[in-house]
Amino acid sequence: MPSNTTPLLSRQPLTGEYAPAQPTASRSPCPVVNALANHGYIERSGCNIYMKDLNASMRHVGMSSLLGSVFAKPTYIEFQNPAKAYLQKPVNLFTRLWRLIKNPYSFFAYFGCWKQGQASSRKRYINLVDLATHGAIEHDISLTRRDVGQKEGNNALQQDLMDNLLRCSSDGGETLTIEDLGEFIKTRIQQQLRD
């Protein structure tokens, strides 16, 4: 017999309905992608995200299918650690051009976050935490995350940075203009150089 606090039927949130991430959910440093998962446009767990699903979800943030694919498709290229780039055999110009003709998205290969073994039925998937892989999409001096080498890490939202971002609004918090963001970026660069 269920207790008074146990619902008889647990309802799954509908697609488009916000539900906070479960403690075991995989999340990325990108608030937009996390919001897509929190709203069910991609797998809410943040795990086993297939390219077609990530690409299709981009329309929910106002991206065209072309722009969405420019973001999504390179993510599924295998991660190449930039610290080990010197170990790779040099590639001649003809080979580079041929790769670009065969796959125009290879131009964005440095965004690759996919790791060996992440495939099911020969289809690649990523987990949102893979987007935190330093040297791929993730970058230093984020607006709301510290750098990978700092104790807070590069994946979790840093509330003090978020508060600073919201305080930089020139109209008291109603909007953030391009000028507000530009000033905040300059401040973040200076702060990161000190930290």
N, C-alpha and C. Protein backbone atom coordinates (compact mmCIF):
# COMPACT_ATOMS: atom_id res chain seq x y z
N MET A 1 0.85 -1.19 0.00
CA MET A 1 0.00 0.00 0.00
C MET A 1 0.89 1.24 0.00
N PRO A 2 0.66 2.20 -0.91
CA PRO A 2 1.51 3.38 -0.97
C PRO A 2 1.30 4.29 0.23
N SER A 3 2.36 5.02 0.59
CA SER A 3 2.24 5.97 1.70
C SER A 3 1.47 7.20 1.22
N ASN A 4 1.14 8.08 2.17
CA ASN A 4 0.40 9.30 1.83
C ASN A 4 1.23 10.25 0.96
N THR A 5 2.54 10.09 0.99
CA THR A 5 3.39 11.00 0.21
C THR A 5 3.78 10.42 -1.15
N THR A 6 3.43 9.17 -1.42
CA THR A 6 3.77 8.53 -2.68
C THR A 6 2.62 8.69 -3.67
N PRO A 7 2.85 9.36 -4.81
CA PRO A 7 1.76 9.48 -5.77
C PRO A 7 1.42 8.11 -6.36
N LEU A 8 0.13 7.89 -6.59
CA LEU A 8 -0.29 6.62 -7.18
C LEU A 8 0.25 6.48 -8.59
N LEU A 9 0.23 7.56 -9.34
CA LEU A 9 0.74 7.55 -10.70
C LEU A 9 1.77 8.66 -10.84
N SER A 10 2.99 8.32 -11.21
CA SER A 10 4.00 9.34 -11.48
C SER A 10 3.89 9.73 -12.94
N ARG A 11 3.68 10.99 -13.18
CA ARG A 11 3.54 11.48 -14.55
C ARG A 11 4.88 11.94 -15.07
N GLN A 12 5.23 11.47 -16.24
CA GLN A 12 6.44 11.93 -16.92
C GLN A 12 6.14 13.30 -17.50
N PRO A 13 7.09 14.25 -17.38
CA PRO A 13 6.86 15.56 -18.00
C PRO A 13 6.73 15.43 -19.52
N LEU A 14 5.90 16.26 -20.08
CA LEU A 14 5.71 16.29 -21.53
C LEU A 14 6.91 16.96 -22.20
N THR A 15 7.13 16.64 -23.47
CA THR A 15 8.16 17.33 -24.23
C THR A 15 7.83 18.82 -24.25
N GLY A 16 8.81 19.62 -23.93
CA GLY A 16 8.62 21.07 -23.87
C GLY A 16 8.34 21.56 -22.47
N GLU A 17 8.04 20.66 -21.55
CA GLU A 17 7.76 21.01 -20.17
C GLU A 17 9.05 20.90 -19.36
N TYR A 18 9.32 21.93 -18.56
CA TYR A 18 10.56 21.94 -17.76
C TYR A 18 10.49 20.91 -16.64
N ALA A 19 11.57 20.21 -16.46
CA ALA A 19 11.78 19.32 -15.31
C ALA A 19 13.25 19.42 -14.95
N PRO A 20 13.59 19.69 -13.70
CA PRO A 20 15.00 19.82 -13.33
C PRO A 20 15.75 18.51 -13.56
N ALA A 21 17.02 18.64 -13.81
CA ALA A 21 17.86 17.46 -14.03
C ALA A 21 17.94 16.63 -12.76
N GLN A 22 17.87 15.33 -12.91
CA GLN A 22 18.05 14.42 -11.77
C GLN A 22 19.53 14.46 -11.36
N PRO A 23 19.84 14.13 -10.12
CA PRO A 23 21.24 14.17 -9.67
C PRO A 23 22.19 13.32 -10.52
N THR A 24 21.69 12.26 -11.13
CA THR A 24 22.54 11.39 -11.94
C THR A 24 22.61 11.80 -13.41
N ALA A 25 21.90 12.86 -13.77
CA ALA A 25 21.85 13.29 -15.17
C ALA A 25 23.20 13.84 -15.62
N SER A 26 23.49 13.66 -16.88
CA SER A 26 24.69 14.21 -17.50
C SER A 26 24.35 15.61 -18.01
N ARG A 27 25.18 16.59 -17.69
CA ARG A 27 24.95 17.95 -18.16
C ARG A 27 26.26 18.52 -18.69
N SER A 28 26.12 19.56 -19.51
CA SER A 28 27.26 20.16 -20.19
C SER A 28 27.51 21.56 -19.64
N PRO A 29 28.61 22.19 -20.06
CA PRO A 29 28.82 23.58 -19.67
C PRO A 29 27.93 24.55 -20.46
N CYS A 30 27.21 24.05 -21.45
CA CYS A 30 26.38 24.91 -22.30
C CYS A 30 24.96 25.00 -21.76
N PRO A 31 24.54 26.17 -21.28
CA PRO A 31 23.20 26.31 -20.73
C PRO A 31 22.09 26.01 -21.75
N VAL A 32 22.34 26.30 -23.02
CA VAL A 32 21.31 26.06 -24.05
C VAL A 32 21.06 24.57 -24.21
N VAL A 33 22.12 23.79 -24.31
CA VAL A 33 21.96 22.34 -24.48
C VAL A 33 21.34 21.73 -23.22
N ASN A 34 21.73 22.22 -22.05
CA ASN A 34 21.13 21.74 -20.81
C ASN A 34 19.63 22.05 -20.78
N ALA A 35 19.26 23.23 -21.24
CA ALA A 35 17.83 23.60 -21.28
C ALA A 35 17.06 22.68 -22.23
N LEU A 36 17.68 22.29 -23.34
CA LEU A 36 17.02 21.36 -24.27
C LEU A 36 16.75 20.03 -23.58
N ALA A 37 17.69 19.57 -22.76
CA ALA A 37 17.48 18.31 -22.01
C ALA A 37 16.44 18.51 -20.91
N ASN A 38 16.52 19.61 -20.19
CA ASN A 38 15.56 19.86 -19.11
C ASN A 38 14.13 19.98 -19.62
N HIS A 39 13.97 20.34 -20.88
CA HIS A 39 12.64 20.46 -21.48
C HIS A 39 12.26 19.24 -22.33
N GLY A 40 13.13 18.24 -22.37
CA GLY A 40 12.80 16.99 -23.05
C GLY A 40 12.93 17.01 -24.56
N TYR A 41 13.58 18.04 -25.12
CA TYR A 41 13.77 18.06 -26.57
C TYR A 41 14.87 17.09 -26.99
N ILE A 42 15.80 16.81 -26.07
CA ILE A 42 16.74 15.71 -26.21
C ILE A 42 16.60 14.88 -24.94
N GLU A 43 17.23 13.74 -24.90
CA GLU A 43 17.09 12.82 -23.76
C GLU A 43 17.31 13.56 -22.44
N ARG A 44 16.32 13.50 -21.55
CA ARG A 44 16.40 14.23 -20.28
C ARG A 44 17.57 13.80 -19.40
N SER A 45 17.99 12.56 -19.53
CA SER A 45 19.12 12.08 -18.73
C SER A 45 20.44 12.70 -19.19
N GLY A 46 20.45 13.26 -20.40
CA GLY A 46 21.68 13.82 -20.95
C GLY A 46 22.62 12.76 -21.49
N CYS A 47 22.15 11.53 -21.54
CA CYS A 47 22.98 10.41 -22.01
C CYS A 47 22.44 9.87 -23.33
N ASN A 48 23.35 9.31 -24.12
CA ASN A 48 22.99 8.69 -25.39
C ASN A 48 22.22 9.65 -26.30
N ILE A 49 22.79 10.81 -26.53
CA ILE A 49 22.20 11.82 -27.40
C ILE A 49 22.70 11.56 -28.82
N TYR A 50 21.80 11.22 -29.71
CA TYR A 50 22.15 10.94 -31.10
C TYR A 50 22.14 12.23 -31.91
N MET A 51 22.96 12.24 -32.96
CA MET A 51 23.11 13.44 -33.78
C MET A 51 21.79 13.93 -34.34
N LYS A 52 20.94 13.04 -34.84
CA LYS A 52 19.68 13.49 -35.44
C LYS A 52 18.80 14.18 -34.39
N ASP A 53 18.86 13.72 -33.14
CA ASP A 53 18.05 14.33 -32.08
C ASP A 53 18.60 15.70 -31.68
N LEU A 54 19.93 15.79 -31.53
CA LEU A 54 20.53 17.08 -31.18
C LEU A 54 20.29 18.08 -32.30
N ASN A 55 20.48 17.65 -33.53
CA ASN A 55 20.27 18.53 -34.68
C ASN A 55 18.81 19.01 -34.73
N ALA A 56 17.86 18.10 -34.56
CA ALA A 56 16.43 18.47 -34.60
C ALA A 56 16.06 19.40 -33.45
N SER A 57 16.72 19.24 -32.32
CA SER A 57 16.36 20.07 -31.15
C SER A 57 16.76 21.53 -31.32
N MET A 58 17.70 21.80 -32.20
CA MET A 58 18.19 23.18 -32.37
C MET A 58 17.08 24.14 -32.82
N ARG A 59 16.06 23.63 -33.47
CA ARG A 59 14.97 24.51 -33.91
C ARG A 59 14.23 25.11 -32.72
N HIS A 60 14.30 24.47 -31.57
CA HIS A 60 13.60 24.97 -30.37
C HIS A 60 14.31 26.16 -29.75
N VAL A 61 15.51 26.46 -30.21
CA VAL A 61 16.21 27.66 -29.76
C VAL A 61 16.35 28.66 -30.90
N GLY A 62 15.58 28.46 -31.96
CA GLY A 62 15.52 29.43 -33.04
C GLY A 62 16.55 29.25 -34.13
N MET A 63 17.25 28.11 -34.15
CA MET A 63 18.25 27.88 -35.20
C MET A 63 17.59 27.21 -36.39
N SER A 64 18.02 27.60 -37.56
CA SER A 64 17.58 26.92 -38.78
C SER A 64 18.20 25.53 -38.78
N SER A 65 17.68 24.64 -39.62
CA SER A 65 18.24 23.29 -39.67
C SER A 65 19.69 23.33 -40.14
N LEU A 66 20.04 24.25 -41.04
CA LEU A 66 21.42 24.36 -41.50
C LEU A 66 22.34 24.79 -40.37
N LEU A 67 21.97 25.85 -39.67
CA LEU A 67 22.81 26.33 -38.57
C LEU A 67 22.87 25.29 -37.46
N GLY A 68 21.75 24.62 -37.19
CA GLY A 68 21.74 23.56 -36.19
C GLY A 68 22.70 22.44 -36.55
N SER A 69 22.75 22.08 -37.83
CA SER A 69 23.65 21.00 -38.25
C SER A 69 25.11 21.44 -38.18
N VAL A 70 25.38 22.72 -38.40
CA VAL A 70 26.76 23.23 -38.28
C VAL A 70 27.23 23.09 -36.83
N PHE A 71 26.31 23.23 -35.89
CA PHE A 71 26.65 23.02 -34.49
C PHE A 71 26.70 21.53 -34.14
N ALA A 72 25.66 20.80 -34.50
CA ALA A 72 25.49 19.43 -34.03
C ALA A 72 26.43 18.42 -34.69
N LYS A 73 26.53 18.46 -36.01
CA LYS A 73 27.27 17.39 -36.71
C LYS A 73 28.75 17.32 -36.34
N PRO A 74 29.47 18.43 -36.26
CA PRO A 74 30.88 18.32 -35.88
C PRO A 74 31.10 17.76 -34.47
N THR A 75 30.12 17.90 -33.60
CA THR A 75 30.23 17.38 -32.25
C THR A 75 30.45 15.87 -32.26
N TYR A 76 29.95 15.19 -33.29
CA TYR A 76 30.03 13.74 -33.38
C TYR A 76 31.28 13.25 -34.12
N ILE A 77 32.19 14.16 -34.42
CA ILE A 77 33.50 13.77 -34.96
C ILE A 77 34.34 13.35 -33.76
N GLU A 78 35.20 12.36 -33.95
CA GLU A 78 35.99 11.85 -32.82
C GLU A 78 36.87 12.94 -32.22
N PHE A 79 36.89 13.00 -30.90
CA PHE A 79 37.71 13.97 -30.17
C PHE A 79 39.18 13.72 -30.45
N GLN A 80 39.90 14.77 -30.79
CA GLN A 80 41.35 14.72 -31.01
C GLN A 80 41.99 15.65 -29.99
N ASN A 81 42.68 15.10 -29.05
CA ASN A 81 43.29 15.90 -28.00
C ASN A 81 44.31 16.86 -28.61
N PRO A 82 44.07 18.18 -28.48
CA PRO A 82 45.01 19.14 -29.09
C PRO A 82 46.40 19.07 -28.47
N ALA A 83 46.50 18.60 -27.25
CA ALA A 83 47.82 18.48 -26.61
C ALA A 83 48.66 17.38 -27.26
N LYS A 84 48.01 16.48 -28.01
CA LYS A 84 48.73 15.39 -28.68
C LYS A 84 48.77 15.57 -30.20
N ALA A 85 48.43 16.76 -30.67
CA ALA A 85 48.39 17.00 -32.12
C ALA A 85 49.75 16.79 -32.77
N TYR A 86 50.82 17.05 -32.03
CA TYR A 86 52.15 16.89 -32.60
C TYR A 86 52.48 15.43 -32.94
N LEU A 87 51.71 14.48 -32.37
CA LEU A 87 51.94 13.06 -32.64
C LEU A 87 51.32 12.60 -33.95
N GLN A 88 50.44 13.42 -34.51
CA GLN A 88 49.75 13.03 -35.74
C GLN A 88 50.65 13.26 -36.95
N LYS A 89 50.53 12.37 -37.89
CA LYS A 89 51.28 12.47 -39.13
C LYS A 89 50.77 13.69 -39.92
N PRO A 90 51.65 14.51 -40.45
CA PRO A 90 51.20 15.67 -41.24
C PRO A 90 50.38 15.23 -42.45
N VAL A 91 49.40 16.02 -42.80
CA VAL A 91 48.51 15.71 -43.92
C VAL A 91 48.74 16.75 -45.02
N ASN A 92 48.88 16.27 -46.26
CA ASN A 92 49.14 17.21 -47.36
C ASN A 92 47.86 17.95 -47.76
N LEU A 93 48.01 18.98 -48.54
CA LEU A 93 46.89 19.83 -48.94
C LEU A 93 45.84 19.05 -49.72
N PHE A 94 46.25 18.17 -50.63
CA PHE A 94 45.29 17.39 -51.41
C PHE A 94 44.41 16.54 -50.50
N THR A 95 45.01 15.89 -49.51
CA THR A 95 44.26 15.06 -48.58
C THR A 95 43.27 15.91 -47.78
N ARG A 96 43.71 17.06 -47.33
CA ARG A 96 42.81 17.96 -46.59
C ARG A 96 41.62 18.38 -47.45
N LEU A 97 41.89 18.76 -48.68
CA LEU A 97 40.81 19.18 -49.58
C LEU A 97 39.85 18.03 -49.87
N TRP A 98 40.40 16.82 -50.08
CA TRP A 98 39.56 15.65 -50.35
C TRP A 98 38.65 15.35 -49.15
N ARG A 99 39.21 15.46 -47.94
CA ARG A 99 38.39 15.26 -46.73
C ARG A 99 37.27 16.28 -46.65
N LEU A 100 37.57 17.50 -47.01
CA LEU A 100 36.57 18.58 -46.96
C LEU A 100 35.48 18.36 -48.01
N ILE A 101 35.85 17.86 -49.18
CA ILE A 101 34.86 17.56 -50.22
C ILE A 101 33.97 16.41 -49.77
N LYS A 102 34.58 15.36 -49.22
CA LYS A 102 33.81 14.21 -48.75
C LYS A 102 32.89 14.55 -47.58
N ASN A 103 33.36 15.43 -46.69
CA ASN A 103 32.59 15.81 -45.51
C ASN A 103 32.86 17.27 -45.18
N PRO A 104 32.02 18.18 -45.66
CA PRO A 104 32.25 19.61 -45.39
C PRO A 104 32.32 19.95 -43.90
N TYR A 105 31.67 19.13 -43.08
CA TYR A 105 31.70 19.39 -41.64
C TYR A 105 33.07 19.10 -41.03
N SER A 106 33.95 18.42 -41.78
CA SER A 106 35.28 18.12 -41.25
C SER A 106 36.08 19.40 -41.01
N PHE A 107 35.66 20.50 -41.63
CA PHE A 107 36.29 21.80 -41.38
C PHE A 107 36.21 22.14 -39.89
N PHE A 108 35.14 21.68 -39.23
CA PHE A 108 34.91 21.97 -37.81
C PHE A 108 35.34 20.81 -36.92
N ALA A 109 36.26 19.98 -37.38
CA ALA A 109 36.65 18.77 -36.66
C ALA A 109 37.17 19.06 -35.25
N TYR A 110 37.71 20.25 -35.02
CA TYR A 110 38.24 20.57 -33.69
C TYR A 110 37.12 20.67 -32.65
N PHE A 111 35.84 20.65 -33.07
CA PHE A 111 34.72 20.62 -32.13
C PHE A 111 34.36 19.19 -31.72
N GLY A 112 35.02 18.21 -32.30
CA GLY A 112 34.66 16.82 -32.04
C GLY A 112 34.72 16.44 -30.57
N CYS A 113 33.65 15.85 -30.06
CA CYS A 113 33.55 15.43 -28.66
C CYS A 113 33.28 13.94 -28.52
N TRP A 114 33.02 13.27 -29.65
CA TRP A 114 32.67 11.85 -29.61
C TRP A 114 33.89 11.03 -29.19
N LYS A 115 33.64 10.01 -28.37
CA LYS A 115 34.72 9.15 -27.90
C LYS A 115 34.49 7.72 -28.37
N GLN A 116 35.57 7.01 -28.65
CA GLN A 116 35.50 5.62 -29.09
C GLN A 116 34.58 4.82 -28.17
N GLY A 117 33.75 3.99 -28.74
CA GLY A 117 32.87 3.14 -27.96
C GLY A 117 31.48 3.71 -27.74
N GLN A 118 31.29 4.98 -28.05
CA GLN A 118 29.97 5.58 -27.87
C GLN A 118 29.17 5.41 -29.15
N ALA A 119 28.63 4.21 -29.31
CA ALA A 119 27.82 3.90 -30.49
C ALA A 119 26.85 2.78 -30.14
N SER A 120 25.71 2.84 -30.77
CA SER A 120 24.71 1.79 -30.62
C SER A 120 24.12 1.56 -32.01
N SER A 121 24.10 0.33 -32.45
CA SER A 121 23.64 -0.01 -33.80
C SER A 121 24.35 0.84 -34.84
N ARG A 122 25.66 1.02 -34.64
CA ARG A 122 26.52 1.78 -35.55
C ARG A 122 26.18 3.27 -35.62
N LYS A 123 25.37 3.76 -34.71
CA LYS A 123 25.05 5.20 -34.65
C LYS A 123 25.76 5.79 -33.44
N ARG A 124 26.48 6.87 -33.70
CA ARG A 124 27.23 7.52 -32.63
C ARG A 124 26.29 8.30 -31.71
N TYR A 125 26.66 8.32 -30.44
CA TYR A 125 25.96 9.17 -29.48
C TYR A 125 27.00 9.84 -28.60
N ILE A 126 26.58 10.89 -27.94
CA ILE A 126 27.42 11.55 -26.94
C ILE A 126 26.59 11.68 -25.66
N ASN A 127 27.28 11.90 -24.57
CA ASN A 127 26.64 12.28 -23.32
C ASN A 127 26.94 13.76 -23.14
N LEU A 128 26.03 14.50 -22.54
CA LEU A 128 26.23 15.94 -22.46
C LEU A 128 27.52 16.32 -21.76
N VAL A 129 27.96 15.53 -20.80
CA VAL A 129 29.22 15.83 -20.13
C VAL A 129 30.40 15.82 -21.10
N ASP A 130 30.27 15.13 -22.23
CA ASP A 130 31.34 15.11 -23.24
C ASP A 130 31.61 16.51 -23.79
N LEU A 131 30.60 17.38 -23.76
CA LEU A 131 30.79 18.75 -24.25
C LEU A 131 31.73 19.54 -23.34
N ALA A 132 32.01 19.02 -22.14
CA ALA A 132 32.94 19.68 -21.22
C ALA A 132 34.38 19.27 -21.49
N THR A 133 34.61 18.42 -22.47
CA THR A 133 35.97 17.97 -22.79
C THR A 133 36.81 19.18 -23.20
N HIS A 134 37.83 19.44 -22.42
CA HIS A 134 38.66 20.62 -22.69
C HIS A 134 39.43 20.43 -23.99
N GLY A 135 39.39 21.46 -24.83
CA GLY A 135 40.10 21.40 -26.11
C GLY A 135 39.18 21.08 -27.27
N ALA A 136 37.91 20.88 -27.01
CA ALA A 136 36.94 20.66 -28.10
C ALA A 136 36.04 21.91 -28.12
N ILE A 137 34.77 21.77 -27.89
CA ILE A 137 33.86 22.92 -27.87
C ILE A 137 34.12 23.78 -26.64
N GLU A 138 34.33 23.14 -25.51
CA GLU A 138 34.55 23.86 -24.25
C GLU A 138 35.75 24.78 -24.39
N HIS A 139 35.64 25.94 -23.82
CA HIS A 139 36.72 26.93 -23.94
C HIS A 139 36.95 27.63 -22.61
N ASP A 140 38.08 28.25 -22.49
CA ASP A 140 38.38 29.03 -21.29
C ASP A 140 37.60 30.34 -21.31
N ILE A 141 37.47 30.91 -20.15
CA ILE A 141 36.82 32.20 -19.92
C ILE A 141 35.36 32.19 -20.38
N SER A 142 34.63 31.25 -19.86
CA SER A 142 33.18 31.20 -20.07
C SER A 142 32.54 32.32 -19.25
N LEU A 143 31.34 32.70 -19.64
CA LEU A 143 30.64 33.74 -18.88
C LEU A 143 30.18 33.25 -17.52
N THR A 144 29.82 31.97 -17.41
CA THR A 144 29.21 31.49 -16.17
C THR A 144 29.91 30.25 -15.60
N ARG A 145 31.06 29.87 -16.15
CA ARG A 145 31.81 28.73 -15.63
C ARG A 145 33.29 29.10 -15.54
N ARG A 146 33.96 28.56 -14.55
CA ARG A 146 35.39 28.77 -14.42
C ARG A 146 36.12 27.80 -15.36
N ASP A 147 37.41 27.95 -15.45
CA ASP A 147 38.18 27.14 -16.37
C ASP A 147 38.40 25.73 -15.83
N VAL A 148 38.72 24.83 -16.72
CA VAL A 148 38.85 23.41 -16.39
C VAL A 148 39.89 23.18 -15.29
N GLY A 149 40.94 23.96 -15.25
CA GLY A 149 42.01 23.77 -14.28
C GLY A 149 41.71 24.30 -12.89
N GLN A 150 40.62 25.02 -12.73
CA GLN A 150 40.30 25.57 -11.42
C GLN A 150 39.47 24.56 -10.63
N LYS A 151 39.51 24.69 -9.31
CA LYS A 151 38.89 23.66 -8.47
C LYS A 151 37.39 23.52 -8.71
N GLU A 152 36.70 24.58 -9.13
CA GLU A 152 35.26 24.50 -9.38
C GLU A 152 34.96 23.74 -10.67
N GLY A 153 35.96 23.63 -11.54
CA GLY A 153 35.77 22.92 -12.80
C GLY A 153 35.04 23.75 -13.83
N ASN A 154 34.86 23.17 -15.00
CA ASN A 154 34.30 23.92 -16.13
C ASN A 154 32.87 23.51 -16.46
N ASN A 155 32.26 22.66 -15.66
CA ASN A 155 30.96 22.14 -16.06
C ASN A 155 29.80 22.72 -15.26
N ALA A 156 29.98 22.90 -13.97
CA ALA A 156 28.87 23.36 -13.13
C ALA A 156 28.76 24.88 -13.17
N LEU A 157 27.53 25.36 -13.17
CA LEU A 157 27.26 26.79 -13.11
C LEU A 157 27.89 27.36 -11.85
N GLN A 158 28.59 28.47 -11.97
CA GLN A 158 29.16 29.18 -10.83
C GLN A 158 28.23 30.33 -10.49
N GLN A 159 27.53 30.23 -9.39
CA GLN A 159 26.48 31.20 -9.05
C GLN A 159 27.03 32.63 -8.97
N ASP A 160 28.25 32.81 -8.45
CA ASP A 160 28.79 34.16 -8.36
C ASP A 160 29.00 34.77 -9.75
N LEU A 161 29.43 33.94 -10.71
CA LEU A 161 29.60 34.46 -12.08
C LEU A 161 28.25 34.79 -12.71
N MET A 162 27.24 33.96 -12.44
CA MET A 162 25.90 34.24 -12.95
C MET A 162 25.37 35.54 -12.36
N ASP A 163 25.55 35.73 -11.06
CA ASP A 163 25.10 36.97 -10.40
C ASP A 163 25.80 38.18 -11.01
N ASN A 164 27.11 38.07 -11.25
CA ASN A 164 27.87 39.17 -11.87
C ASN A 164 27.34 39.46 -13.28
N LEU A 165 27.02 38.42 -14.03
CA LEU A 165 26.47 38.61 -15.37
C LEU A 165 25.15 39.37 -15.32
N LEU A 166 24.28 38.98 -14.43
CA LEU A 166 22.98 39.65 -14.33
C LEU A 166 23.12 41.08 -13.83
N ARG A 167 24.12 41.35 -12.98
CA ARG A 167 24.35 42.71 -12.46
C ARG A 167 24.91 43.65 -13.53
N CYS A 168 25.46 43.12 -14.60
CA CYS A 168 26.09 43.99 -15.60
C CYS A 168 25.06 44.68 -16.50
N SER A 169 23.79 44.36 -16.34
CA SER A 169 22.73 44.99 -17.14
C SER A 169 22.71 46.50 -16.88
N SER A 170 22.72 47.28 -17.95
CA SER A 170 22.74 48.74 -17.81
C SER A 170 21.37 49.33 -17.49
N ASP A 171 20.30 48.52 -17.56
CA ASP A 171 18.96 49.05 -17.26
C ASP A 171 18.36 48.42 -16.00
N GLY A 172 19.23 48.01 -15.09
CA GLY A 172 18.74 47.49 -13.82
C GLY A 172 18.28 46.04 -13.85
N GLY A 173 18.67 45.29 -14.84
CA GLY A 173 18.35 43.88 -14.85
C GLY A 173 17.24 43.47 -15.79
N GLU A 174 16.69 44.40 -16.54
CA GLU A 174 15.61 44.06 -17.47
C GLU A 174 16.12 43.34 -18.71
N THR A 175 17.24 43.82 -19.24
CA THR A 175 17.80 43.23 -20.46
C THR A 175 19.32 43.24 -20.38
N LEU A 176 19.94 42.47 -21.25
CA LEU A 176 21.38 42.51 -21.44
C LEU A 176 21.63 42.90 -22.89
N THR A 177 22.25 44.04 -23.09
CA THR A 177 22.55 44.50 -24.44
C THR A 177 23.89 43.92 -24.88
N ILE A 178 24.20 44.09 -26.15
CA ILE A 178 25.50 43.66 -26.66
C ILE A 178 26.61 44.43 -25.94
N GLU A 179 26.36 45.70 -25.67
CA GLU A 179 27.36 46.50 -24.95
C GLU A 179 27.56 45.96 -23.54
N ASP A 180 26.45 45.60 -22.85
CA ASP A 180 26.56 45.03 -21.50
C ASP A 180 27.40 43.76 -21.54
N LEU A 181 27.11 42.88 -22.50
CA LEU A 181 27.85 41.62 -22.61
C LEU A 181 29.32 41.87 -22.94
N GLY A 182 29.59 42.85 -23.81
CA GLY A 182 30.97 43.19 -24.15
C GLY A 182 31.75 43.63 -22.93
N GLU A 183 31.13 44.48 -22.11
CA GLU A 183 31.78 44.93 -20.87
C GLU A 183 32.00 43.77 -19.92
N PHE A 184 31.01 42.89 -19.83
CA PHE A 184 31.14 41.75 -18.93
C PHE A 184 32.25 40.81 -19.40
N ILE A 185 32.35 40.60 -20.70
CA ILE A 185 33.41 39.74 -21.23
C ILE A 185 34.78 40.33 -20.89
N LYS A 186 34.94 41.64 -21.04
CA LYS A 186 36.22 42.27 -20.68
C LYS A 186 36.53 42.05 -19.20
N THR A 187 35.50 42.20 -18.35
CA THR A 187 35.67 41.98 -16.92
C THR A 187 36.05 40.54 -16.63
N ARG A 188 35.39 39.57 -17.31
CA ARG A 188 35.69 38.15 -17.09
C ARG A 188 37.12 37.82 -17.50
N ILE A 189 37.59 38.40 -18.61
CA ILE A 189 38.96 38.14 -19.04
C ILE A 189 39.94 38.63 -17.98
N GLN A 190 39.72 39.84 -17.47
CA GLN A 190 40.60 40.38 -16.44
C GLN A 190 40.54 39.53 -15.17
N GLN A 191 39.33 39.11 -14.79
CA GLN A 191 39.17 38.28 -13.60
C GLN A 191 39.90 36.94 -13.78
N GLN A 192 39.76 36.34 -14.95
CA GLN A 192 40.38 35.04 -15.18
C GLN A 192 41.90 35.15 -15.20
N LEU A 193 42.42 36.25 -15.71
CA LEU A 193 43.87 36.45 -15.70
C LEU A 193 44.39 36.55 -14.26
N ARG A 194 43.59 37.15 -13.36
CA ARG A 194 43.97 37.24 -11.95
C ARG A 194 43.86 35.89 -11.25
N ASP A 195 42.81 35.14 -11.56
CA ASP A 195 42.56 33.87 -10.87
C ASP A 195 43.53 32.82 -11.34
